[in-house]
Amino acid sequence: TAPWEGWTPRGPNEHDQDSLAYQQFFEHGGIKRVYFGSPDDLKADLDMAQGDADSSLVEMAAKAPGVQYWLWRNKRLKGAIKLTTPSGEVVCQGNFKQQVALYGLLKTCAG
């Protein structure tokens, strides 16, 4: 028999959404999703998931023509969610714990 070489490390389960979020944070600098809807729809969905309407959705300046950035923030949560239109890319902003909390909201409304 071969000598025991110790435990072999396993990578994250590709079907586990939480491990994918962890991997995205460290490999891509942020947790990202895609949302197929308008910015107002995203605000309504996030407010419903959060349970209150104490949030703001602000349009931010974009350098690229035809691209718009929208920033969603809630007074009770640290961090923010940035929506890029028309691509629908949604990025959680903040440190890792803040992004995970925001990611929990996104799982309810973004694909």
Foldseek 3Di string as FASTA:
>chain_A
DDDDPDDDDDQDDPVDPVSVQVVCCVPVVWGKFFADDDPVVVLVLLCVLVVHNQKDWDWDDDDDPPKIKIWIDHPVAPWIWIAIPPRRMITTGDDPVRRVVVVVSCVVHTD
